Amino acid sequence: MSDLSAAKAALKSQRIETPSWAYANSGTRFKVFAQKGVPRTPQEKLDDAARVQEVTGVAPVVALHIPWDRVDDYAALARHAEDLGLRVGAINSNVFQDDDYRLGSVTNPDPAVRRKAVDHLLECVDIMDATGSRDLKLWFSDGTNYPGQDDIVARQDRLAEALAEVYARLGDDQRMLLEYKLFEPAFYATDVPDWGTAYAHCRALGPKAQVVVDTGHHAPGTNIEFIVAVLLREGKLGGFDFNSRFYADDDLMVGAADPFQLFRIMFEVIRGGGLGPDTAFMLDQCHNIEPKIPAIIRSVMNVQEATAKALLVDVPALREAQRTGDVLGANAVLMDAYNTDVRPLLAEVREEMGLDPDPIAAYRRSGWAERIVAERVGGTQAGWGA
C-alpha cells in the first residue's frame, strides 16, 4: 500500500467524539446566549450529532454530561443513539456546580461532601454500564484560593482515596480518564493542575486510568506535543479534549488559534502510535456566538486537516535529517507537510466514503437548520446547568 493509500485509510478510520453540551446554549461566565433551534433534551442533542456524522463520516461517538444529560432510561438513550448511527462515548461527571462543592468535591475537608461527590462518580459508572460507554471522564475544579486555606498534601490524599474507590468499580473494559487544568476556579492551588499530577495518580491506580490532555488547559507557550509524546511513551495518553484558546481556557473551536500546534500534536500522536481506538479524540468546546452544528462540523474538519498533514510527513527523510544533525533539513520536512493543502485529499477521501466533499455545504443543503428552528418551539432549551 502506498503512503497516500495508508494516509487515506487512516483518515477514513479516524473517529472524533463530539460533546453533547456543544449542541446546547452556552456563553461566558457573564452571559449564556440563547439560539433558536437548540436542543431541549439529550435525545435532540443526539439528533443534531447525527447530522454531523452524516456529513463527516468520522464523528459517530457522542460524549454525555451528567447531570446535564440525565434521563430516566439510559439504555433507551443508548438505543436512540444506535438508531441514529451513533454510540455513547465518554460519560462526563459534574462535581463543580453544587453549593456543597464550594471548598472542593472529592478533596473537600468535609467527609460528607466527599461521600456525595464519590457517589456521583459511582453513579456515572452505573450510567456507563447502561449505555455501553467505555470511558469515565473526570475533571475536578477542586483547589484553594488562599495560602493556608487547606493542607495541600491532605487534599492529594483525599483525591487518591476517591479515585481508588471509583477505579475499583470500573468494569474490565472501562477506563477512567483524568483531566487536568492549570487554574480556575481555584486561583491559588488547583488539586489537579498539570499532566504530571494527573499522570502520578493514574500510574498509582493502574492500567485502566489514563490522562486526558485538554489543549486549552496550559500556560501560554507550553509545549503540548512534548506532553503528548511523553504520555504516549508511558502508555498513559487516554485522550484529548480538543479546543483552542488565545489567552486562557476559552474553549474556542479546535485549530482556530494555532493550527500549527494542532498539526504538531497530531504528528506526535501518529509517531507514537496513538491514532487508533485507544486514544479518544474528543472535542470540548462551547459555541457561544456561532451556530452550533456548523461549528462542530468545522471543528471535525480542522482535526481531519491537521491529521492529514501529519500523515504526509516524510518520516524516512525526517529520520535521516535527525540522524545526521541536519537541523534545517529536519524542520523543512515538517514544514513541507504542514504547508501542504490537504483539502483536495480530504475531498477525495470523503467522495470515496460516499460523502459530499464539502461537509458544510452538505449540511446547509440538508435543511436541518431551518427544520429545528421551526420544530423546536416551546419547552426548555438545554444549556449549562440544564
Protein backbone atom coordinates (compact mmCIF):
# COMPACT_ATOMS: atom_id res chain seq x y z
CA MET A 1 0.00 0.00 0.00
CA SER A 2 1.40 3.42 -0.96
CA ASP A 3 1.94 6.15 1.61
CA LEU A 4 -1.01 8.05 0.15
CA SER A 5 -3.21 4.95 0.39
CA ALA A 6 -2.14 4.48 4.01
CA ALA A 7 -2.96 8.11 4.77
CA LYS A 8 -6.38 7.73 3.20
CA ALA A 9 -7.08 4.57 5.16
CA ALA A 10 -6.10 6.29 8.41
CA LEU A 11 -8.32 9.28 7.66
CA LYS A 12 -11.29 7.05 6.86
CA SER A 13 -10.91 5.13 10.12
CA GLN A 14 -10.42 8.22 12.31
CA ARG A 15 -13.06 8.74 15.00
CA ILE A 16 -13.76 12.14 16.56
CA GLU A 17 -16.07 12.36 19.57
CA THR A 18 -18.42 15.33 19.76
CA PRO A 19 -19.72 16.68 23.09
CA SER A 20 -23.45 16.79 23.79
CA TRP A 21 -23.13 20.14 25.55
CA ALA A 22 -21.70 21.82 22.44
CA TYR A 23 -25.11 21.49 20.76
CA ALA A 24 -26.79 23.39 23.62
CA ASN A 25 -26.78 27.02 24.68
CA SER A 26 -23.53 28.28 26.16
CA GLY A 27 -21.72 31.50 26.88
CA THR A 28 -19.16 33.15 29.09
CA ARG A 29 -19.27 33.41 32.86
CA PHE A 30 -21.23 36.62 32.34
CA LYS A 31 -23.93 35.54 29.91
CA VAL A 32 -25.37 32.44 28.25
CA PHE A 33 -26.57 33.28 24.75
CA ALA A 34 -29.71 31.53 23.52
CA GLN A 35 -30.04 30.45 19.90
CA LYS A 36 -33.12 29.30 18.03
CA GLY A 37 -33.45 25.60 17.38
CA VAL A 38 -31.01 24.33 20.01
CA PRO A 39 -31.88 21.00 21.65
CA ARG A 40 -34.22 20.75 24.59
CA THR A 41 -33.42 17.14 25.52
CA PRO A 42 -30.50 14.73 25.36
CA GLN A 43 -32.33 12.95 22.55
CA GLU A 44 -32.40 16.14 20.48
CA LYS A 45 -28.70 16.63 21.14
CA LEU A 46 -28.11 13.20 19.63
CA ASP A 47 -30.32 14.12 16.69
CA ASP A 48 -28.01 17.07 15.98
CA ALA A 49 -24.90 14.94 16.45
CA ALA A 50 -26.26 12.56 13.84
CA ARG A 51 -26.22 15.41 11.32
CA VAL A 52 -22.51 15.95 12.00
CA GLN A 53 -21.83 12.26 11.47
CA GLU A 54 -23.98 12.25 8.34
CA VAL A 55 -21.80 14.81 6.55
CA THR A 56 -18.37 13.99 8.01
CA GLY A 57 -18.47 10.20 8.39
CA VAL A 58 -15.93 10.28 11.23
CA ALA A 59 -17.98 11.52 14.23
CA PRO A 60 -20.16 8.59 15.34
CA VAL A 61 -19.44 8.99 19.06
CA VAL A 62 -21.10 11.46 21.43
CA ALA A 63 -19.93 12.29 24.94
CA LEU A 64 -22.59 12.82 27.60
CA HIS A 65 -22.50 15.02 30.69
CA ILE A 66 -24.24 14.15 33.92
CA PRO A 67 -26.46 15.75 35.19
CA TRP A 68 -26.91 17.88 32.06
CA ASP A 69 -27.90 14.77 30.09
CA ARG A 70 -29.73 12.94 32.86
CA VAL A 71 -32.66 10.78 31.72
CA ASP A 72 -34.84 8.15 33.34
CA ASP A 73 -33.75 5.37 30.97
CA TYR A 74 -30.12 5.41 29.83
CA ALA A 75 -30.42 2.15 27.94
CA ALA A 76 -33.19 3.75 25.87
CA LEU A 77 -31.00 6.77 25.25
CA ALA A 78 -28.24 4.47 24.03
CA ARG A 79 -30.72 2.75 21.72
CA HIS A 80 -31.77 6.14 20.36
CA ALA A 81 -28.13 6.86 19.61
CA GLU A 82 -27.74 3.48 17.92
CA ASP A 83 -30.83 4.11 15.78
CA LEU A 84 -29.14 7.30 14.57
CA GLY A 85 -25.89 5.51 13.70
CA LEU A 86 -24.17 6.82 16.83
CA ARG A 87 -22.90 5.41 20.09
CA VAL A 88 -22.42 6.92 23.53
CA GLY A 89 -18.87 7.92 24.30
CA ALA A 90 -17.36 9.28 27.50
CA ILE A 91 -19.58 9.92 30.50
CA ASN A 92 -18.51 13.24 31.97
CA SER A 93 -19.13 13.77 35.66
CA ASN A 94 -20.04 17.06 37.30
CA VAL A 95 -18.78 17.81 40.81
CA PHE A 96 -18.43 21.55 40.35
CA GLN A 97 -21.95 23.03 40.12
CA ASP A 98 -23.34 22.26 43.56
CA ASP A 99 -23.13 24.63 46.50
CA ASP A 100 -21.71 21.82 48.62
CA TYR A 101 -18.57 21.88 46.45
CA ARG A 102 -17.58 25.44 47.36
CA LEU A 103 -14.45 24.12 49.12
CA GLY A 104 -13.98 21.17 46.81
CA SER A 105 -15.63 17.88 45.97
CA VAL A 106 -13.50 14.75 46.42
CA THR A 107 -10.82 16.82 48.19
CA ASN A 108 -13.24 18.73 50.44
CA PRO A 109 -12.26 18.69 54.13
CA ASP A 110 -15.83 17.59 54.97
CA PRO A 111 -16.16 13.79 54.63
CA ALA A 112 -19.90 14.09 53.95
CA VAL A 113 -19.24 16.26 50.91
CA ARG A 114 -16.55 13.86 49.72
CA ARG A 115 -19.01 10.99 50.06
CA LYS A 116 -21.59 12.88 47.99
CA ALA A 117 -19.03 13.53 45.25
CA VAL A 118 -17.81 9.95 45.08
CA ASP A 119 -21.37 8.67 44.99
CA HIS A 120 -21.96 10.83 41.92
CA LEU A 121 -18.87 9.39 40.24
CA LEU A 122 -20.10 5.88 41.00
CA GLU A 123 -23.48 6.83 39.54
CA CYS A 124 -21.65 7.79 36.35
CA VAL A 125 -20.12 4.30 36.20
CA ASP A 126 -23.65 2.87 36.51
CA ILE A 127 -24.60 5.04 33.52
CA MET A 128 -21.60 3.69 31.63
CA ASP A 129 -22.91 0.18 32.26
CA ALA A 130 -26.34 1.13 30.93
CA THR A 131 -25.10 2.95 27.83
CA GLY A 132 -22.16 0.70 26.94
CA SER A 133 -19.75 3.57 27.39
CA ARG A 134 -16.07 2.79 27.79
CA ASP A 135 -14.77 6.00 29.36
CA LEU A 136 -15.45 7.87 32.59
CA LYS A 137 -14.04 11.36 32.23
CA LEU A 138 -13.16 13.23 35.39
CA TRP A 139 -12.40 16.90 35.81
CA PHE A 140 -12.21 18.47 39.24
CA SER A 141 -12.48 22.18 39.95
CA ASP A 142 -11.14 21.39 43.42
CA GLY A 143 -8.44 23.60 44.85
CA THR A 144 -7.80 26.53 47.14
CA ASN A 145 -7.84 30.30 46.68
CA TYR A 146 -5.53 31.35 49.52
CA PRO A 147 -2.28 30.10 51.06
CA GLY A 148 -3.00 28.16 54.21
CA GLN A 149 -6.65 27.57 53.30
CA ASP A 150 -6.15 23.80 53.41
CA ASP A 151 -3.39 21.21 53.57
CA ILE A 152 -2.06 20.61 50.05
CA VAL A 153 -0.85 17.06 50.73
CA ALA A 154 -4.02 16.09 52.60
CA ARG A 155 -6.05 17.13 49.58
CA GLN A 156 -3.92 14.89 47.37
CA ASP A 157 -4.51 12.02 49.79
CA ARG A 158 -8.27 12.59 49.64
CA LEU A 159 -8.13 12.71 45.85
CA ALA A 160 -6.20 9.45 45.70
CA GLU A 161 -8.66 7.75 48.04
CA ALA A 162 -11.66 8.84 45.96
CA LEU A 163 -10.06 7.85 42.66
CA ALA A 164 -9.16 4.43 44.06
CA GLU A 165 -12.76 3.74 45.11
CA VAL A 166 -14.10 4.68 41.68
CA TYR A 167 -11.33 2.79 39.89
CA ALA A 168 -12.26 -0.37 41.78
CA ARG A 169 -15.83 -0.05 40.49
CA LEU A 170 -14.81 0.03 36.79
CA GLY A 171 -15.57 -2.96 34.60
CA ASP A 172 -12.92 -4.88 32.71
CA ASP A 173 -13.48 -2.89 29.51
CA GLN A 174 -13.93 0.50 31.15
CA ARG A 175 -11.42 3.27 31.75
CA MET A 176 -11.00 6.33 33.93
CA LEU A 177 -9.72 9.41 32.09
CA LEU A 178 -8.34 12.10 34.37
CA GLU A 179 -8.25 15.66 33.06
CA TYR A 180 -6.10 18.47 34.44
CA LYS A 181 -6.39 22.25 34.39
CA LEU A 182 -3.79 24.81 35.33
CA PHE A 183 -6.11 27.23 37.10
CA GLU A 184 -9.69 28.42 37.55
CA PRO A 185 -11.75 28.37 39.61
CA ALA A 186 -9.04 27.57 42.18
CA PHE A 187 -6.72 30.55 41.94
CA TYR A 188 -4.00 29.60 44.42
CA ALA A 189 -3.56 25.84 44.11
CA THR A 190 -5.57 23.58 41.82
CA ASP A 191 -5.61 19.97 43.01
CA VAL A 192 -5.03 18.53 39.50
CA PRO A 193 -3.19 21.42 37.81
CA ASP A 194 -0.94 19.67 35.31
CA TRP A 195 -0.16 16.49 33.41
CA GLY A 196 2.40 15.39 35.98
CA THR A 197 -0.12 15.36 38.81
CA ALA A 198 -2.67 13.54 36.65
CA TYR A 199 -0.03 11.07 35.50
CA ALA A 200 1.12 10.35 39.06
CA HIS A 201 -2.41 9.48 40.17
CA CYS A 202 -3.12 7.41 37.06
CA ARG A 203 0.11 5.49 37.38
CA ALA A 204 -0.66 4.66 41.01
CA LEU A 205 -4.15 3.47 40.10
CA GLY A 206 -3.25 1.07 37.30
CA PRO A 207 -3.73 0.42 33.56
CA LYS A 208 -7.39 1.47 33.42
CA ALA A 209 -6.55 5.04 34.48
CA GLN A 210 -5.20 7.38 31.83
CA VAL A 211 -4.62 11.09 31.29
CA VAL A 212 -6.72 13.44 29.17
CA VAL A 213 -4.94 16.37 27.52
CA ASP A 214 -7.21 19.40 27.10
CA THR A 215 -5.37 21.62 24.64
CA GLY A 216 -6.64 24.78 26.35
CA HIS A 217 -5.54 23.87 29.88
CA HIS A 218 -1.93 25.01 29.80
CA ALA A 219 0.18 28.05 30.48
CA PRO A 220 1.00 30.19 27.42
CA GLY A 221 3.89 28.73 25.46
CA THR A 222 3.57 25.22 26.90
CA ASN A 223 4.93 22.55 24.54
CA ILE A 224 1.81 20.39 24.45
CA GLU A 225 3.18 17.98 21.88
CA PHE A 226 6.02 17.16 24.30
CA ILE A 227 3.42 16.21 26.92
CA VAL A 228 1.60 14.08 24.36
CA ALA A 229 4.81 12.35 23.31
CA VAL A 230 5.78 11.51 26.89
CA LEU A 231 2.32 10.22 27.82
CA LEU A 232 2.28 8.03 24.73
CA ARG A 233 5.73 6.73 25.62
CA GLU A 234 4.41 5.83 29.06
CA GLY A 235 1.22 4.29 27.71
CA LYS A 236 -0.86 6.81 29.64
CA LEU A 237 -2.47 9.01 26.98
CA GLY A 238 -6.17 8.24 27.19
CA GLY A 239 -7.50 11.01 25.01
CA PHE A 240 -7.85 14.66 24.17
CA ASP A 241 -10.26 17.47 24.78
CA PHE A 242 -9.63 19.47 21.62
CA ASN A 243 -10.27 23.20 21.62
CA SER A 244 -8.39 26.47 21.16
CA ARG A 245 -7.59 29.48 23.27
CA PHE A 246 -5.80 32.73 22.67
CA TYR A 247 -5.06 33.63 26.30
CA ALA A 248 -6.67 31.26 28.79
CA ASP A 249 -9.21 28.43 28.64
CA ASP A 250 -11.54 29.90 26.04
CA ASP A 251 -12.88 26.63 24.58
CA LEU A 252 -12.86 28.04 21.08
CA MET A 253 -13.01 25.81 18.01
CA VAL A 254 -10.04 23.45 17.72
CA GLY A 255 -7.40 24.77 15.36
CA ALA A 256 -8.80 28.30 15.45
CA ALA A 257 -5.96 29.91 17.38
CA ASP A 258 -2.91 27.86 16.40
CA PRO A 259 -3.43 25.27 13.65
CA PHE A 260 0.32 24.64 13.56
CA GLN A 261 0.21 23.49 17.17
CA LEU A 262 -2.61 21.09 16.34
CA PHE A 263 -0.51 19.70 13.48
CA ARG A 264 2.47 19.22 15.79
CA ILE A 265 0.29 17.42 18.33
CA MET A 266 -1.17 15.13 15.69
CA PHE A 267 2.28 14.30 14.35
CA GLU A 268 3.37 13.12 17.80
CA VAL A 269 0.13 11.14 18.12
CA ILE A 270 0.84 9.36 14.84
CA ARG A 271 4.53 8.90 15.61
CA GLY A 272 3.68 7.38 18.99
CA GLY A 273 1.05 5.01 17.62
CA GLY A 274 -1.83 6.88 19.21
CA LEU A 275 -4.12 7.31 16.23
CA GLY A 276 -6.07 4.13 16.97
CA PRO A 277 -9.14 3.48 19.13
CA ASP A 278 -7.22 3.54 22.42
CA THR A 279 -6.99 7.33 22.18
CA ALA A 280 -10.27 9.23 22.48
CA PHE A 281 -10.25 12.27 20.22
CA MET A 282 -12.90 14.36 21.93
CA LEU A 283 -13.97 17.92 21.26
CA ASP A 284 -14.62 20.09 24.32
CA GLN A 285 -15.91 23.40 23.06
CA CYS A 286 -18.64 25.93 23.69
CA HIS A 287 -20.06 27.74 20.68
CA ASN A 288 -21.28 30.99 22.13
CA ILE A 289 -21.82 33.29 19.14
CA GLU A 290 -21.58 30.94 16.15
CA PRO A 291 -24.21 28.40 15.03
CA LYS A 292 -23.69 25.14 16.87
CA ILE A 293 -23.82 22.38 14.29
CA PRO A 294 -21.75 24.09 11.55
CA ALA A 295 -19.15 24.98 14.20
CA ILE A 296 -18.85 21.35 15.25
CA ILE A 297 -18.63 20.21 11.63
CA ARG A 298 -15.86 22.75 11.04
CA SER A 299 -14.07 21.56 14.17
CA VAL A 300 -14.14 17.96 12.95
CA MET A 301 -12.76 19.15 9.63
CA ASN A 302 -9.97 21.06 11.39
CA VAL A 303 -8.87 17.91 13.20
CA GLN A 304 -9.02 16.00 9.93
CA GLU A 305 -6.86 18.57 8.17
CA ALA A 306 -4.22 18.54 10.91
CA THR A 307 -4.24 14.75 10.87
CA ALA A 308 -3.90 14.61 7.09
CA LYS A 309 -0.91 16.94 7.14
CA ALA A 310 0.73 14.94 9.91
CA LEU A 311 0.20 11.73 7.92
CA LEU A 312 2.03 13.28 4.96
CA VAL A 313 5.27 13.92 6.86
CA ASP A 314 8.14 12.18 5.03
CA VAL A 315 9.25 10.20 8.06
CA PRO A 316 12.30 8.49 6.44
CA ALA A 317 13.60 11.88 5.30
CA LEU A 318 12.92 13.33 8.74
CA ARG A 319 14.75 10.50 10.49
CA GLU A 320 17.75 10.84 8.18
CA ALA A 321 17.95 14.56 8.78
CA GLN A 322 17.71 13.98 12.53
CA ARG A 323 20.35 11.26 12.40
CA THR A 324 22.82 13.49 10.55
CA GLY A 325 22.13 16.58 12.64
CA ASP A 326 20.59 18.48 9.72
CA VAL A 327 18.63 20.95 11.81
CA LEU A 328 17.14 23.00 9.00
CA GLY A 329 16.51 19.94 6.85
CA ALA A 330 14.56 18.22 9.59
CA ASN A 331 12.46 21.31 10.24
CA ALA A 332 11.85 21.69 6.50
CA VAL A 333 10.40 18.18 6.29
CA LEU A 334 7.81 19.07 8.90
CA MET A 335 7.08 22.44 7.31
CA ASP A 336 6.64 20.90 3.87
CA ALA A 337 3.92 18.64 5.24
CA TYR A 338 2.28 21.45 7.21
CA ASN A 339 2.21 23.75 4.20
CA THR A 340 0.55 21.11 2.01
CA ASP A 341 -3.03 21.94 1.02
CA VAL A 342 -4.78 18.76 2.11
CA ARG A 343 -8.30 19.90 1.27
CA PRO A 344 -8.27 18.14 -2.13
CA LEU A 345 -7.07 14.93 -0.44
CA LEU A 346 -9.84 15.10 2.16
CA ALA A 347 -12.43 15.85 -0.52
CA GLU A 348 -11.26 12.72 -2.33
CA VAL A 349 -11.42 10.68 0.88
CA ARG A 350 -14.99 11.84 1.53
CA GLU A 351 -16.08 11.02 -2.00
CA GLU A 352 -14.61 7.53 -1.61
CA MET A 353 -16.67 7.21 1.59
CA GLY A 354 -19.81 8.17 -0.31
CA LEU A 355 -19.95 11.64 1.26
CA ASP A 356 -20.18 15.13 -0.13
CA PRO A 357 -16.65 16.56 -0.46
CA ASP A 358 -17.83 19.73 1.32
CA PRO A 359 -19.47 18.82 4.67
CA ILE A 360 -20.55 22.40 5.45
CA ALA A 361 -22.27 22.79 2.10
CA ALA A 362 -23.92 19.39 2.51
CA TYR A 363 -25.31 20.41 5.91
CA ARG A 364 -26.65 23.69 4.58
CA ARG A 365 -28.44 21.91 1.76
CA SER A 366 -29.97 19.38 4.17
CA GLY A 367 -32.44 21.91 5.57
CA TRP A 368 -31.82 20.69 9.12
CA ALA A 369 -31.04 24.18 10.45
CA GLU A 370 -34.38 25.51 9.24
CA ARG A 371 -36.22 22.42 10.40
CA ILE A 372 -35.07 22.57 14.02
CA VAL A 373 -35.87 26.28 14.28
CA ALA A 374 -39.40 25.56 13.09
CA GLU A 375 -39.94 22.41 15.17
CA ARG A 376 -38.18 23.12 18.46
CA VAL A 377 -40.68 25.57 19.83
CA GLY A 378 -41.62 25.52 23.49
CA GLY A 379 -40.03 23.56 26.25
CA THR A 380 -36.76 24.48 27.93
CA GLN A 381 -33.61 24.81 25.86
CA ALA A 382 -30.64 22.83 27.05
CA GLY A 383 -27.65 24.75 28.31
CA TRP A 384 -25.10 24.95 31.06
CA GLY A 385 -26.76 23.54 34.14
CA ALA A 386 -29.75 22.23 32.20
